[in-house]
Amino acid sequence: MTLTIFGTALSGIWLLIALGIVGIVLWKVGQAFFKLIFGIISNTILGFVTLYLANAYFGMSIPFSAPVIISTAIFGIGGIGTIVILQWFGIII
C-alpha cells in the first residue's frame, strides 16, 4: 500500500508512522478543544449562580439586563465582580 503526499510516496512503516503522528496531533487538539469548552461552560454556570446569590441573599438588586447577562456569560464570576464594583461606584448598567 502506497500513499502519495506532496509528491512523496509513503509506504509500509513510514505510512504507519505518519498516520500515528497525525492521530496523536488530532488527539491533542481534541483534548485542548474540549478542555476550553468545559472551562467556558463551567465559568458561565458559576457566574450565573453568583449573580443569583448576589441578588437573592445579599440584596444587591443587579438587574438582568443584556450587558449583565453577556458579561456574566463571557467572564463568569469576574464579570459579576466587575458589575458589583461598578454598582458600588454608582454606575448602573
Foldseek 3Di string as FASTA:
>chain_A
DWDADPNDIDDDPRVVVVVVVVVVVVVVVVVVVVVVVVVLVVLLVQQVVVVVCCCPPVVPPQDPDPVLNVQCSGGRVVSVVVQSVCVVVVNHD
